[in-house]
Protein backbone atom coordinates (compact mmCIF):
# COMPACT_ATOMS: atom_id res chain seq x y z
CA MET A 1 132.24 169.36 120.86
CA LYS A 2 131.94 170.42 117.24
CA ILE A 3 135.67 170.14 116.63
CA ALA A 4 135.80 166.77 118.39
CA VAL A 5 133.06 165.46 116.12
CA ILE A 6 134.95 166.61 113.03
CA VAL A 7 138.23 165.09 114.23
CA VAL A 8 136.60 161.74 115.15
CA ARG A 9 134.64 161.70 111.90
CA VAL A 10 137.73 162.33 109.77
CA LEU A 11 139.89 159.80 111.65
CA LEU A 12 137.25 157.08 111.36
CA ALA A 13 136.77 157.91 107.67
CA ALA A 14 140.53 157.72 107.10
CA MET A 15 140.73 154.28 108.73
CA TYR A 16 137.95 152.89 106.58
CA LEU A 17 139.09 154.56 103.39
CA PHE A 18 142.63 153.26 103.86
CA ALA A 19 141.39 149.73 104.53
CA SER A 20 139.07 149.66 101.53
CA VAL A 21 141.30 151.40 98.98
CA SER A 22 144.30 149.30 99.93
CA TYR A 23 142.20 146.15 99.45
CA PHE A 24 141.01 147.13 95.98
CA LEU A 25 144.44 148.41 94.83
CA HIS A 26 146.35 145.54 96.53
CA LEU A 27 148.55 147.95 98.52
CA MET A 28 148.74 145.94 101.74
CA PRO A 29 151.53 143.43 102.26
CA LYS A 30 150.70 139.80 102.87
CA ALA A 31 148.76 139.26 106.08
CA PRO A 32 150.74 137.96 109.08
CA GLU A 33 150.47 134.38 110.18
CA MET A 34 146.96 133.58 111.36
CA THR A 35 145.79 131.19 114.06
CA PRO A 36 143.75 128.13 112.99
CA ALA A 37 140.54 129.80 114.16
CA GLN A 38 141.31 132.93 112.13
CA THR A 39 142.17 130.84 109.08
CA THR A 40 138.87 129.00 109.35
CA PHE A 41 136.92 132.23 109.67
CA MET A 42 138.74 133.91 106.77
CA SER A 43 138.38 130.79 104.58
CA GLY A 44 134.64 130.87 105.12
CA LEU A 45 134.56 134.58 104.34
CA MET A 46 136.54 134.12 101.15
CA ALA A 47 134.55 131.02 100.14
CA SER A 48 131.39 133.14 99.97
CA VAL A 49 133.08 135.10 97.11
CA TYR A 50 130.83 138.16 97.44
CA LEU A 51 130.94 138.95 101.13
CA PHE A 52 134.46 140.34 101.52
CA PRO A 53 134.19 142.68 98.51
CA LEU A 54 130.77 143.77 99.80
CA LEU A 55 132.33 144.51 103.16
CA LYS A 56 135.09 146.57 101.54
CA VAL A 57 132.59 148.50 99.36
CA THR A 58 130.57 149.26 102.51
CA GLU A 59 133.75 150.52 104.19
CA LEU A 60 134.53 152.68 101.14
CA VAL A 61 131.04 154.17 100.94
CA GLY A 62 130.88 154.68 104.73
CA GLY A 63 134.29 156.37 104.75
CA LEU A 64 133.30 158.74 101.93
CA LEU A 65 129.98 159.56 103.58
CA LEU A 66 131.78 160.28 106.84
CA LEU A 67 133.94 162.85 105.10
CA ILE A 68 130.85 164.65 103.88
CA GLY A 69 129.46 166.51 106.87
CA ARG A 70 125.79 166.31 105.94
CA THR A 71 125.83 162.54 105.44
CA ALA A 72 127.86 161.63 108.53
CA PRO A 73 124.85 160.52 110.62
CA LEU A 74 123.84 158.11 107.84
CA ALA A 75 127.43 156.91 107.52
CA ALA A 76 127.64 156.21 111.23
CA ILE A 77 124.63 153.89 110.98
CA ILE A 78 125.89 152.20 107.79
CA ILE A 79 129.38 151.59 109.15
CA PHE A 80 128.40 150.46 112.67
CA PRO A 81 127.72 146.77 111.80
CA VAL A 82 131.11 146.62 110.09
CA THR A 83 132.81 148.20 113.10
CA LEU A 84 131.04 145.85 115.51
CA ASN A 85 131.93 142.78 113.44
CA ILE A 86 135.60 143.85 113.26
CA PHE A 87 135.61 144.41 117.04
CA LEU A 88 134.04 141.02 117.77
CA TYR A 89 136.40 139.28 115.38
CA HIS A 90 139.40 140.71 117.21
CA ALA A 91 137.82 140.15 120.64
CA PHE A 92 137.33 136.44 120.01
CA LEU A 93 139.94 135.48 117.39
CA GLY A 94 142.77 138.03 117.34
CA PRO A 95 143.11 140.14 120.47
CA LYS A 96 146.48 141.59 119.37
CA ASP A 97 144.82 144.49 117.49
CA LEU A 98 141.92 144.86 119.92
CA PRO A 99 143.00 148.30 121.32
CA MET A 100 142.97 149.93 117.88
CA VAL A 101 139.66 148.28 116.96
CA GLY A 102 138.27 149.31 120.35
CA VAL A 103 139.08 152.92 119.49
CA MET A 104 137.21 152.51 116.22
CA LEU A 105 134.17 151.23 118.12
CA LEU A 106 134.40 154.11 120.59
CA PHE A 107 134.65 156.60 117.70
CA ASN A 108 131.52 155.13 116.15
CA LEU A 109 129.65 155.24 119.50
CA PHE A 110 130.81 158.82 120.00
CA LEU A 111 129.36 159.75 116.61
CA PHE A 112 126.08 158.09 117.61
CA TYR A 113 126.02 160.25 120.70
CA ALA A 114 126.96 163.41 118.79
CA TYR A 115 124.25 162.85 116.16
CA ARG A 116 121.60 161.54 118.57
CA GLN A 117 119.17 164.33 117.63
CA LYS A 118 119.25 163.14 114.01
CA TYR A 119 118.27 159.62 115.09
CA LEU A 120 115.27 160.60 117.27
CA PRO A 121 112.78 160.67 114.37
CA ILE A 122 113.69 157.05 113.60
CA VAL A 123 112.51 155.86 117.03
CA ALA A 124 109.78 158.42 117.59
CA LYS A 125 106.15 157.31 117.42
């Protein structure tokens, strides 16, 4: 179980670090053609000016915290809303990449399960 947690943690961190670093360094090629619904969603996201960079900073911080073993339970909580939003975006607007995003969600849920003892004080009376 310990090795599985490390592998899942590093893989999830790598996904988020790649996504955030490539955004800030402009390493990714132009996005493929989007559907009208995706274009509307992304236009709204970009129109807010601050939200997409905030999302990418959260991914960067979460990815770095996942790499550090002691902070991984905190990182799993921080990165979960991002993972869930990415999953729901692909579930409703772009199901082509849904399997990969589903794996990301499963990795995050697995980390919740693995670190469940760390979260008990949060919900304890």
